[in-house]
C-alpha atoms as a PDB file:
ATOM      1  CA  MET A   1      92.839  69.131  55.398  1.00  0.00           C
ATOM      2  CA  ASP A   2      92.734  69.757  59.121  1.00  0.00           C
ATOM      3  CA  ARG A   3      93.138  73.408  60.138  1.00  0.00           C
ATOM      4  CA  GLY A   4      95.910  72.512  62.591  1.00  0.00           C
ATOM      5  CA  ARG A   5      97.815  70.782  59.820  1.00  0.00           C
ATOM      6  CA  LEU A   6      97.329  73.781  57.539  1.00  0.00           C
ATOM      7  CA  GLY A   7      99.048  75.997  60.106  1.00  0.00           C
ATOM      8  CA  ASP A   8     101.970  73.563  60.264  1.00  0.00           C
ATOM      9  CA  VAL A   9     102.281  73.633  56.489  1.00  0.00           C
ATOM     10  CA  VAL A  10     102.245  77.447  56.403  1.00  0.00           C
ATOM     11  CA  VAL A  11     104.882  77.708  59.131  1.00  0.00           C
ATOM     12  CA  GLY A  12     107.018  75.081  57.406  1.00  0.00           C
ATOM     13  CA  ALA A  13     106.795  76.900  54.086  1.00  0.00           C
ATOM     14  CA  ALA A  14     107.704  80.200  55.750  1.00  0.00           C
ATOM     15  CA  GLY A  15     110.712  78.513  57.333  1.00  0.00           C
ATOM     16  CA  ASP A  16     111.789  77.123  53.973  1.00  0.00           C
ATOM     17  CA  VAL A  17     111.530  80.571  52.408  1.00  0.00           C
ATOM     18  CA  ALA A  18     113.551  82.110  55.239  1.00  0.00           C
ATOM     19  CA  GLY A  19     116.124  79.339  54.879  1.00  0.00           C
ATOM     20  CA  SER A  20     116.417  80.046  51.183  1.00  0.00           C
ATOM     21  CA  VAL A  21     117.565  83.577  52.015  1.00  0.00           C
ATOM     22  CA  VAL A  22     120.434  82.220  54.124  1.00  0.00           C
ATOM     23  CA  ASP A  23     121.355  79.264  51.872  1.00  0.00           C
ATOM     24  CA  PRO A  24     119.645  79.650  48.499  1.00  0.00           C
ATOM     25  CA  LYS A  25     120.648  76.283  47.036  1.00  0.00           C
ATOM     26  CA  ALA A  26     119.513  74.175  50.013  1.00  0.00           C
ATOM     27  CA  GLY A  27     116.438  76.319  50.680  1.00  0.00           C
ATOM     28  CA  LEU A  28     115.161  76.098  47.120  1.00  0.00           C
ATOM     29  CA  GLY A  29     115.752  72.342  47.125  1.00  0.00           C
ATOM     30  CA  ARG A  30     113.621  71.955  50.258  1.00  0.00           C
ATOM     31  CA  LEU A  31     110.937  74.223  48.861  1.00  0.00           C
ATOM     32  CA  ARG A  32     110.864  72.328  45.578  1.00  0.00           C
ATOM     33  CA  SER A  33     110.556  68.986  47.377  1.00  0.00           C
ATOM     34  CA  ALA A  34     107.712  70.323  49.538  1.00  0.00           C
ATOM     35  CA  LEU A  35     105.601  71.275  46.520  1.00  0.00           C
ATOM     36  CA  THR A  36     102.976  68.758  45.547  1.00  0.00           C
ATOM     37  CA  ALA A  37     100.594  68.720  42.618  1.00  0.00           C
ATOM     38  CA  ARG A  38      97.676  69.369  44.969  1.00  0.00           C
ATOM     39  CA  GLY A  39      99.482  72.322  46.548  1.00  0.00           C
ATOM     40  CA  VAL A  40     100.326  73.850  43.179  1.00  0.00           C
ATOM     41  CA  VAL A  41      96.712  73.502  42.005  1.00  0.00           C
ATOM     42  CA  THR A  42      95.425  75.012  45.264  1.00  0.00           C
ATOM     43  CA  LEU A  43      97.846  77.922  45.009  1.00  0.00           C
ATOM     44  CA  THR A  44      96.955  78.528  41.356  1.00  0.00           C
ATOM     45  CA  VAL A  45      93.212  78.462  42.011  1.00  0.00           C
ATOM     46  CA  GLY A  46      93.632  80.788  44.996  1.00  0.00           C
ATOM     47  CA  ALA A  47      95.682  83.244  42.963  1.00  0.00           C
ATOM     48  CA  LEU A  48      93.129  83.155  40.149  1.00  0.00           C
ATOM     49  CA  LEU A  49      90.213  83.756  42.513  1.00  0.00           C
ATOM     50  CA  GLY A  50      92.093  86.601  44.192  1.00  0.00           C
ATOM     51  CA  PHE A  51      92.836  88.165  40.822  1.00  0.00           C
ATOM     52  CA  LEU A  52      89.200  87.925  39.735  1.00  0.00           C
ATOM     53  CA  ALA A  53      87.969  89.368  43.040  1.00  0.00           C
ATOM     54  CA  ALA A  54      90.406  92.294  42.827  1.00  0.00           C
ATOM     55  CA  ARG A  55      89.463  92.891  39.206  1.00  0.00           C
ATOM     56  CA  SER A  56      85.743  92.974  39.967  1.00  0.00           C
ATOM     57  CA  MET A  57      86.298  95.359  42.894  1.00  0.00           C
ATOM     58  CA  ARG A  58      88.368  97.647  40.672  1.00  0.00           C
ATOM     59  CA  ARG A  59      85.615  97.890  38.029  1.00  0.00           C
ATOM     60  CA  SER A  60      83.003  98.961  40.574  1.00  0.00           C
END
């Protein structure tokens, strides 16, 4: 993925989250439609790696 495109995705996701505060039903629908299998896997792997890194730092 191109870094410029990644920034667009992050800004779009932040806008969807902010929109969900104003109109929860429409905002969650947009957020749900924006999720892809690749995005969910990437987010899950990132969260897992972050958890493992924090856990190893805590043990030291």
